[in-house]
Amino acid sequence: MSIIQKSFEDDALFRLEIRKKLREMINLGFNDVYRHFNETREGYTFWDYMRGAWQKNNGMRIDHFLVSNSLIDQVKGININKDPRGREKPSDHTPIEITLA
């Protein structure tokens, strides 16, 4: 667990019961599309405004696309678009984009 994740451990962003629910959905046969295309690569969709998280790339991936096994072959790609997060006065999130056939 990273330092940033440890600091959010009791926050809604990283609660154990929420992570368990995500795992339950995956166990029902849904696929985490980002992980399907990026087995080991980290990709973040959220950076806290504090402690220079964006500048240090201390983020978390808290936004997901889940698709059923029957649809996974229709997914042609996924991208975390960091451009909006680097703008002046950005959101703490950035878009995650999926390309379907």
Protein backbone atom coordinates (compact mmCIF):
# COMPACT_ATOMS: atom_id res chain seq x y z
CA MET A 1 0.00 0.00 0.00
CA SER A 2 1.44 3.38 -0.99
CA ILE A 3 1.77 6.32 1.38
CA ILE A 4 -1.14 8.10 -0.29
CA GLN A 5 -3.30 4.99 -0.08
CA LYS A 6 -2.41 4.60 3.61
CA SER A 7 -3.50 8.20 4.25
CA PHE A 8 -6.92 7.43 2.69
CA GLU A 9 -7.36 4.05 4.36
CA ASP A 10 -10.43 5.13 6.37
CA ASP A 11 -11.73 7.50 3.70
CA ALA A 12 -14.56 6.58 1.32
CA LEU A 13 -11.95 6.53 -1.46
CA PHE A 14 -10.20 3.47 -0.11
CA ARG A 15 -12.44 1.71 2.40
CA LEU A 16 -11.93 -2.02 2.75
CA GLU A 17 -15.64 -2.80 2.27
CA ILE A 18 -15.66 -0.86 -1.02
CA ARG A 19 -12.59 -2.72 -2.27
CA LYS A 20 -14.29 -6.00 -1.29
CA LYS A 21 -17.40 -5.03 -3.30
CA LEU A 22 -15.25 -4.33 -6.35
CA ARG A 23 -13.61 -7.75 -5.93
CA GLU A 24 -17.09 -9.35 -5.62
CA MET A 25 -18.14 -7.79 -8.94
CA ILE A 26 -14.98 -9.06 -10.62
CA ASN A 27 -15.63 -12.51 -9.15
CA LEU A 28 -19.12 -12.43 -10.70
CA GLY A 29 -17.49 -12.37 -14.12
CA PHE A 30 -16.86 -8.70 -14.75
CA ASN A 31 -13.50 -7.57 -16.09
CA ASP A 32 -11.56 -4.53 -14.96
CA VAL A 33 -10.83 -3.20 -18.45
CA TYR A 34 -7.79 -1.15 -17.44
CA ARG A 35 -6.19 -4.17 -15.77
CA HIS A 36 -7.12 -6.38 -18.74
CA PHE A 37 -5.00 -4.20 -21.03
CA ASN A 38 -2.36 -3.20 -18.44
CA GLU A 39 -1.52 -6.21 -16.29
CA THR A 40 1.32 -4.58 -14.37
CA ARG A 41 1.30 -0.90 -15.32
CA GLU A 42 0.03 1.57 -12.75
CA GLY A 43 -2.47 4.12 -13.92
CA TYR A 44 -4.12 6.68 -11.71
CA THR A 45 -7.40 8.58 -12.13
CA PHE A 46 -7.27 10.58 -8.88
CA TRP A 47 -4.61 12.74 -7.25
CA ASP A 48 -5.26 14.53 -3.97
CA TYR A 49 -4.70 18.29 -3.95
CA MET A 50 -2.45 17.96 -0.90
CA ARG A 51 1.26 17.17 -0.53
CA GLY A 52 2.04 17.67 -4.23
CA ALA A 53 0.36 14.39 -5.16
CA TRP A 54 -0.08 15.36 -8.83
CA GLN A 55 3.49 16.55 -9.22
CA LYS A 56 4.85 13.40 -7.51
CA ASN A 57 2.37 11.12 -9.33
CA ASN A 58 1.09 9.83 -5.98
CA GLY A 59 -2.36 8.87 -7.13
CA MET A 60 -4.96 6.15 -7.00
CA ARG A 61 -7.10 4.51 -9.64
CA ILE A 62 -10.57 4.89 -8.20
CA ASP A 63 -12.47 5.14 -11.49
CA HIS A 64 -13.08 1.91 -13.38
CA PHE A 65 -14.78 0.40 -16.40
CA LEU A 66 -16.12 -3.08 -15.69
CA VAL A 67 -17.51 -5.19 -18.53
CA SER A 68 -18.91 -8.70 -18.67
CA ASN A 69 -16.96 -11.60 -20.11
CA SER A 70 -19.28 -11.57 -23.11
CA LEU A 71 -18.28 -7.97 -23.95
CA ILE A 72 -14.55 -7.96 -23.22
CA ASP A 73 -13.71 -8.80 -26.86
CA GLN A 74 -15.60 -5.68 -27.95
CA VAL A 75 -13.19 -3.47 -26.01
CA LYS A 76 -10.43 -2.18 -28.27
CA GLY A 77 -8.63 0.04 -25.80
CA ILE A 78 -8.67 2.10 -22.65
CA ASN A 79 -6.91 5.36 -21.83
CA ILE A 80 -6.48 7.47 -18.73
CA ASN A 81 -6.53 11.01 -20.10
CA LYS A 82 -4.27 13.01 -17.80
CA ASP A 83 -4.48 16.24 -19.81
CA PRO A 84 -7.43 17.77 -17.89
CA ARG A 85 -5.72 17.12 -14.53
CA GLY A 86 -2.68 19.15 -15.59
CA ARG A 87 -4.71 22.29 -16.37
CA GLU A 88 -5.19 25.31 -14.15
CA LYS A 89 -7.80 24.68 -11.41
CA PRO A 90 -8.46 21.05 -12.39
CA SER A 91 -10.65 18.43 -10.82
CA ASP A 92 -8.86 15.91 -8.62
CA HIS A 93 -10.08 13.24 -11.07
CA THR A 94 -9.22 12.75 -14.71
CA PRO A 95 -11.26 10.95 -17.37
CA ILE A 96 -10.83 7.28 -18.13
CA GLU A 97 -11.88 6.57 -21.71
CA ILE A 98 -12.85 3.29 -23.32
CA THR A 99 -12.91 2.41 -27.02
CA LEU A 100 -15.45 -0.20 -28.15
CA ALA A 101 -15.71 -2.01 -31.49
